[in-house]
Amino acid sequence: MTKSFNLDIIDENKSNLPLADEECPKCGCPKAYYWTVQTRAGDEPETRFYKCKKCGHVWREYS
């Protein structure tokens, strides 16, 4: 049996990531790029990651 997986490449310049109205907990900037990843079991919601547009701080939010 062959296993397959998906590999998502996130561009470091972030031009292809959507922006959210989410405040950075580090610098207070009101905008952050975001992406989602299935980090837990398939029957649980995805984890949303944010990266501050200004300072680059990364944090996550569990749904």
PDB file of N, CA and C in Angstrom:
ATOM      1  N   MET A   1       0.847  -1.175   0.000  1.00  0.00           N
ATOM      2  CA  MET A   1       0.000   0.000   0.000  1.00  0.00           C
ATOM      3  C   MET A   1       0.894   1.241   0.000  1.00  0.00           C
ATOM      4  N   THR A   2       0.585   2.185  -0.844  1.00  0.00           N
ATOM      5  CA  THR A   2       1.340   3.430  -0.933  1.00  0.00           C
ATOM      6  C   THR A   2       0.602   4.531  -0.197  1.00  0.00           C
ATOM      7  N   LYS A   3       1.343   5.266   0.623  1.00  0.00           N
ATOM      8  CA  LYS A   3       0.758   6.408   1.324  1.00  0.00           C
ATOM      9  C   LYS A   3       1.100   7.672   0.558  1.00  0.00           C
ATOM     10  N   SER A   4       0.169   8.591   0.528  1.00  0.00           N
ATOM     11  CA  SER A   4       0.428   9.875  -0.121  1.00  0.00           C
ATOM     12  C   SER A   4       0.153  10.989   0.879  1.00  0.00           C
ATOM     13  N   PHE A   5       0.741  12.140   0.618  1.00  0.00           N
ATOM     14  CA  PHE A   5       0.524  13.288   1.487  1.00  0.00           C
ATOM     15  C   PHE A   5       0.611  14.552   0.664  1.00  0.00           C
ATOM     16  N   ASN A   6       0.049  15.614   1.205  1.00  0.00           N
ATOM     17  CA  ASN A   6       0.111  16.923   0.559  1.00  0.00           C
ATOM     18  C   ASN A   6       1.170  17.755   1.248  1.00  0.00           C
ATOM     19  N   LEU A   7       1.919  18.503   0.474  1.00  0.00           N
ATOM     20  CA  LEU A   7       2.921  19.406   1.008  1.00  0.00           C
ATOM     21  C   LEU A   7       2.591  20.793   0.504  1.00  0.00           C
ATOM     22  N   ASP A   8       2.266  21.687   1.418  1.00  0.00           N
ATOM     23  CA  ASP A   8       1.951  23.065   1.058  1.00  0.00           C
ATOM     24  C   ASP A   8       3.167  23.938   1.321  1.00  0.00           C
ATOM     25  N   ILE A   9       3.592  24.662   0.312  1.00  0.00           N
ATOM     26  CA  ILE A   9       4.719  25.573   0.446  1.00  0.00           C
ATOM     27  C   ILE A   9       4.165  26.971   0.673  1.00  0.00           C
ATOM     28  N   ILE A  10       4.613  27.608   1.741  1.00  0.00           N
ATOM     29  CA  ILE A  10       4.174  28.965   2.044  1.00  0.00           C
ATOM     30  C   ILE A  10       5.272  29.916   1.622  1.00  0.00           C
ATOM     31  N   ASP A  11       4.955  30.789   0.703  1.00  0.00           N
ATOM     32  CA  ASP A  11       5.907  31.763   0.178  1.00  0.00           C
ATOM     33  C   ASP A  11       6.323  32.718   1.290  1.00  0.00           C
ATOM     34  N   GLU A  12       7.623  32.875   1.480  1.00  0.00           N
ATOM     35  CA  GLU A  12       8.120  33.748   2.543  1.00  0.00           C
ATOM     36  C   GLU A  12       7.730  35.205   2.362  1.00  0.00           C
ATOM     37  N   ASN A  13       7.482  35.658   1.120  1.00  0.00           N
ATOM     38  CA  ASN A  13       7.093  37.060   0.959  1.00  0.00           C
ATOM     39  C   ASN A  13       5.605  37.258   1.238  1.00  0.00           C
ATOM     40  N   LYS A  14       4.890  36.178   1.505  1.00  0.00           N
ATOM     41  CA  LYS A  14       3.500  36.190   1.958  1.00  0.00           C
ATOM     42  C   LYS A  14       2.505  36.821   0.989  1.00  0.00           C
ATOM     43  N   SER A  15       2.910  37.086  -0.233  1.00  0.00           N
ATOM     44  CA  SER A  15       2.007  37.746  -1.173  1.00  0.00           C
ATOM     45  C   SER A  15       0.807  36.873  -1.535  1.00  0.00           C
ATOM     46  N   ASN A  16       0.904  35.572  -1.323  1.00  0.00           N
ATOM     47  CA  ASN A  16      -0.202  34.688  -1.676  1.00  0.00           C
ATOM     48  C   ASN A  16      -1.071  34.308  -0.474  1.00  0.00           C
ATOM     49  N   LEU A  17      -0.781  34.849   0.711  1.00  0.00           N
ATOM     50  CA  LEU A  17      -1.582  34.547   1.899  1.00  0.00           C
ATOM     51  C   LEU A  17      -2.640  35.623   2.121  1.00  0.00           C
ATOM     52  N   PRO A  18      -3.830  35.226   2.571  1.00  0.00           N
ATOM     53  CA  PRO A  18      -4.874  36.218   2.861  1.00  0.00           C
ATOM     54  C   PRO A  18      -4.568  37.000   4.140  1.00  0.00           C
ATOM     55  N   LEU A  19      -5.129  38.196   4.214  1.00  0.00           N
ATOM     56  CA  LEU A  19      -4.974  39.053   5.397  1.00  0.00           C
ATOM     57  C   LEU A  19      -6.231  38.980   6.254  1.00  0.00           C
ATOM     58  N   ALA A  20      -6.043  39.026   7.563  1.00  0.00           N
ATOM     59  CA  ALA A  20      -7.168  39.017   8.495  1.00  0.00           C
ATOM     60  C   ALA A  20      -7.101  40.246   9.388  1.00  0.00           C
ATOM     61  N   ASP A  21      -8.256  40.660   9.885  1.00  0.00           N
ATOM     62  CA  ASP A  21      -8.321  41.737  10.875  1.00  0.00           C
ATOM     63  C   ASP A  21      -8.095  41.105  12.248  1.00  0.00           C
ATOM     64  N   GLU A  22      -6.856  40.752  12.511  1.00  0.00           N
ATOM     65  CA  GLU A  22      -6.481  40.081  13.755  1.00  0.00           C
ATOM     66  C   GLU A  22      -5.317  40.846  14.368  1.00  0.00           C
ATOM     67  N   GLU A  23      -5.465  41.266  15.626  1.00  0.00           N
ATOM     68  CA  GLU A  23      -4.437  42.082  16.268  1.00  0.00           C
ATOM     69  C   GLU A  23      -3.278  41.235  16.781  1.00  0.00           C
ATOM     70  N   CYS A  24      -2.070  41.661  16.458  1.00  0.00           N
ATOM     71  CA  CYS A  24      -0.859  40.981  16.914  1.00  0.00           C
ATOM     72  C   CYS A  24      -0.716  41.157  18.427  1.00  0.00           C
ATOM     73  N   PRO A  25      -0.536  40.053  19.167  1.00  0.00           N
ATOM     74  CA  PRO A  25      -0.381  40.174  20.616  1.00  0.00           C
ATOM     75  C   PRO A  25       0.961  40.780  21.025  1.00  0.00           C
ATOM     76  N   LYS A  26       1.902  40.843  20.097  1.00  0.00           N
ATOM     77  CA  LYS A  26       3.230  41.364  20.421  1.00  0.00           C
ATOM     78  C   LYS A  26       3.347  42.864  20.166  1.00  0.00           C
ATOM     79  N   CYS A  27       2.919  43.334  18.973  1.00  0.00           N
ATOM     80  CA  CYS A  27       3.127  44.751  18.632  1.00  0.00           C
ATOM     81  C   CYS A  27       1.832  45.544  18.466  1.00  0.00           C
ATOM     82  N   GLY A  28       0.677  44.853  18.433  1.00  0.00           N
ATOM     83  CA  GLY A  28      -0.600  45.548  18.317  1.00  0.00           C
ATOM     84  C   GLY A  28      -1.025  45.891  16.905  1.00  0.00           C
ATOM     85  N   CYS A  29      -0.257  45.485  15.907  1.00  0.00           N
ATOM     86  CA  CYS A  29      -0.635  45.734  14.508  1.00  0.00           C
ATOM     87  C   CYS A  29      -1.996  45.077  14.244  1.00  0.00           C
ATOM     88  N   PRO A  30      -2.917  45.772  13.569  1.00  0.00           N
ATOM     89  CA  PRO A  30      -4.271  45.235  13.384  1.00  0.00           C
ATOM     90  C   PRO A  30      -4.430  44.244  12.228  1.00  0.00           C
ATOM     91  N   LYS A  31      -3.382  43.938  11.486  1.00  0.00           N
ATOM     92  CA  LYS A  31      -3.478  43.029  10.339  1.00  0.00           C
ATOM     93  C   LYS A  31      -2.474  41.891  10.462  1.00  0.00           C
ATOM     94  N   ALA A  32      -2.895  40.695  10.043  1.00  0.00           N
ATOM     95  CA  ALA A  32      -2.006  39.535  10.066  1.00  0.00           C
ATOM     96  C   ALA A  32      -2.345  38.620   8.896  1.00  0.00           C
ATOM     97  N   TYR A  33      -1.327  37.993   8.329  1.00  0.00           N
ATOM     98  CA  TYR A  33      -1.533  36.952   7.328  1.00  0.00           C
ATOM     99  C   TYR A  33      -1.975  35.701   8.078  1.00  0.00           C
ATOM    100  N   TYR A  34      -2.723  34.812   7.402  1.00  0.00           N
ATOM    101  CA  TYR A  34      -3.137  33.586   8.082  1.00  0.00           C
ATOM    102  C   TYR A  34      -3.170  32.409   7.133  1.00  0.00           C
ATOM    103  N   TRP A  35      -3.082  31.205   7.710  1.00  0.00           N
ATOM    104  CA  TRP A  35      -3.217  29.959   6.982  1.00  0.00           C
ATOM    105  C   TRP A  35      -3.723  28.920   7.974  1.00  0.00           C
ATOM    106  N   THR A  36      -4.298  27.844   7.470  1.00  0.00           N
ATOM    107  CA  THR A  36      -4.838  26.799   8.342  1.00  0.00           C
ATOM    108  C   THR A  36      -4.120  25.483   8.085  1.00  0.00           C
ATOM    109  N   VAL A  37      -4.001  24.676   9.151  1.00  0.00           N
ATOM    110  CA  VAL A  37      -3.358  23.369   9.077  1.00  0.00           C
ATOM    111  C   VAL A  37      -4.161  22.398   9.931  1.00  0.00           C
ATOM    112  N   GLN A  38      -4.333  21.187   9.432  1.00  0.00           N
ATOM    113  CA  GLN A  38      -4.995  20.144  10.214  1.00  0.00           C
ATOM    114  C   GLN A  38      -3.941  19.533  11.127  1.00  0.00           C
ATOM    115  N   THR A  39      -3.838  20.011  12.367  1.00  0.00           N
ATOM    116  CA  THR A  39      -2.779  19.572  13.280  1.00  0.00           C
ATOM    117  C   THR A  39      -3.226  18.466  14.227  1.00  0.00           C
ATOM    118  N   ARG A  40      -4.527  18.244  14.331  1.00  0.00           N
ATOM    119  CA  ARG A  40      -5.044  17.216  15.237  1.00  0.00           C
ATOM    120  C   ARG A  40      -5.825  16.194  14.424  1.00  0.00           C
ATOM    121  N   ALA A  41      -6.614  15.387  15.079  1.00  0.00           N
ATOM    122  CA  ALA A  41      -7.387  14.344  14.403  1.00  0.00           C
ATOM    123  C   ALA A  41      -8.299  14.941  13.335  1.00  0.00           C
ATOM    124  N   GLY A  42      -8.606  14.153  12.340  1.00  0.00           N
ATOM    125  CA  GLY A  42      -9.417  14.618  11.220  1.00  0.00           C
ATOM    126  C   GLY A  42     -10.821  15.046  11.588  1.00  0.00           C
ATOM    127  N   ASP A  43     -11.332  14.567  12.718  1.00  0.00           N
ATOM    128  CA  ASP A  43     -12.683  14.951  13.128  1.00  0.00           C
ATOM    129  C   ASP A  43     -12.692  16.219  13.984  1.00  0.00           C
ATOM    130  N   GLU A  44     -11.530  16.842  14.178  1.00  0.00           N
ATOM    131  CA  GLU A  44     -11.439  18.090  14.935  1.00  0.00           C
ATOM    132  C   GLU A  44     -11.148  19.246  13.985  1.00  0.00           C
ATOM    133  N   PRO A  45     -11.489  20.470  14.383  1.00  0.00           N
ATOM    134  CA  PRO A  45     -11.289  21.617  13.485  1.00  0.00           C
ATOM    135  C   PRO A  45      -9.812  21.911  13.227  1.00  0.00           C
ATOM    136  N   GLU A  46      -9.568  22.620  12.127  1.00  0.00           N
ATOM    137  CA  GLU A  46      -8.211  23.009  11.763  1.00  0.00           C
ATOM    138  C   GLU A  46      -7.665  24.049  12.737  1.00  0.00           C
ATOM    139  N   THR A  47      -6.345  24.161  12.777  1.00  0.00           N
ATOM    140  CA  THR A  47      -5.678  25.191  13.565  1.00  0.00           C
ATOM    141  C   THR A  47      -5.344  26.337  12.627  1.00  0.00           C
ATOM    142  N   ARG A  48      -5.658  27.556  13.035  1.00  0.00           N
ATOM    143  CA  ARG A  48      -5.356  28.731  12.215  1.00  0.00           C
ATOM    144  C   ARG A  48      -4.087  29.390  12.753  1.00  0.00           C
ATOM    145  N   PHE A  49      -3.127  29.605  11.861  1.00  0.00           N
ATOM    146  CA  PHE A  49      -1.880  30.283  12.207  1.00  0.00           C
ATOM    147  C   PHE A  49      -1.928  31.694  11.662  1.00  0.00           C
ATOM    148  N   TYR A  50      -1.370  32.630  12.425  1.00  0.00           N
ATOM    149  CA  TYR A  50      -1.296  34.035  12.023  1.00  0.00           C
ATOM    150  C   TYR A  50       0.158  34.475  12.015  1.00  0.00           C
ATOM    151  N   LYS A  51       0.493  35.385  11.100  1.00  0.00           N
ATOM    152  CA  LYS A  51       1.814  36.012  11.071  1.00  0.00           C
ATOM    153  C   LYS A  51       1.603  37.506  10.911  1.00  0.00           C
ATOM    154  N   CYS A  52       2.093  38.273  11.873  1.00  0.00           N
ATOM    155  CA  CYS A  52       1.907  39.718  11.887  1.00  0.00           C
ATOM    156  C   CYS A  52       2.503  40.359  10.640  1.00  0.00           C
ATOM    157  N   LYS A  53       1.746  41.249  10.046  1.00  0.00           N
ATOM    158  CA  LYS A  53       2.190  41.950   8.847  1.00  0.00           C
ATOM    159  C   LYS A  53       3.351  42.895   9.149  1.00  0.00           C
ATOM    160  N   LYS A  54       3.409  43.403  10.373  1.00  0.00           N
ATOM    161  CA  LYS A  54       4.428  44.396  10.736  1.00  0.00           C
ATOM    162  C   LYS A  54       5.698  43.760  11.319  1.00  0.00           C
ATOM    163  N   CYS A  55       5.560  42.977  12.387  1.00  0.00           N
ATOM    164  CA  CYS A  55       6.748  42.474  13.098  1.00  0.00           C
ATOM    165  C   CYS A  55       7.097  41.020  12.782  1.00  0.00           C
ATOM    166  N   GLY A  56       6.188  40.274  12.117  1.00  0.00           N
ATOM    167  CA  GLY A  56       6.478  38.892  11.753  1.00  0.00           C
ATOM    168  C   GLY A  56       6.214  37.872  12.849  1.00  0.00           C
ATOM    169  N   HIS A  57       5.680  38.307  13.987  1.00  0.00           N
ATOM    170  CA  HIS A  57       5.359  37.386  15.082  1.00  0.00           C
ATOM    171  C   HIS A  57       4.329  36.361  14.605  1.00  0.00           C
ATOM    172  N   VAL A  58       4.529  35.080  14.964  1.00  0.00           N
ATOM    173  CA  VAL A  58       3.611  34.005  14.568  1.00  0.00           C
ATOM    174  C   VAL A  58       2.916  33.463  15.816  1.00  0.00           C
ATOM    175  N   TRP A  59       1.601  33.285  15.713  1.00  0.00           N
ATOM    176  CA  TRP A  59       0.834  32.673  16.799  1.00  0.00           C
ATOM    177  C   TRP A  59      -0.268  31.831  16.186  1.00  0.00           C
ATOM    178  N   ARG A  60      -0.929  31.034  17.005  1.00  0.00           N
ATOM    179  CA  ARG A  60      -1.975  30.143  16.492  1.00  0.00           C
ATOM    180  C   ARG A  60      -3.241  30.256  17.311  1.00  0.00           C
ATOM    181  N   GLU A  61      -4.324  29.830  16.678  1.00  0.00           N
ATOM    182  CA  GLU A  61      -5.644  29.847  17.311  1.00  0.00           C
ATOM    183  C   GLU A  61      -6.294  28.504  17.040  1.00  0.00           C
ATOM    184  N   TYR A  62      -6.676  27.818  18.101  1.00  0.00           N
ATOM    185  CA  TYR A  62      -7.396  26.556  17.957  1.00  0.00           C
ATOM    186  C   TYR A  62      -8.878  26.866  17.875  1.00  0.00           C
ATOM    187  N   SER A  63      -9.534  26.305  16.882  1.00  0.00           N
ATOM    188  CA  SER A  63     -10.972  26.564  16.710  1.00  0.00           C
ATOM    189  C   SER A  63     -11.792  25.718  17.648  1.00  0.00           C
TER     190      SER A  63
END
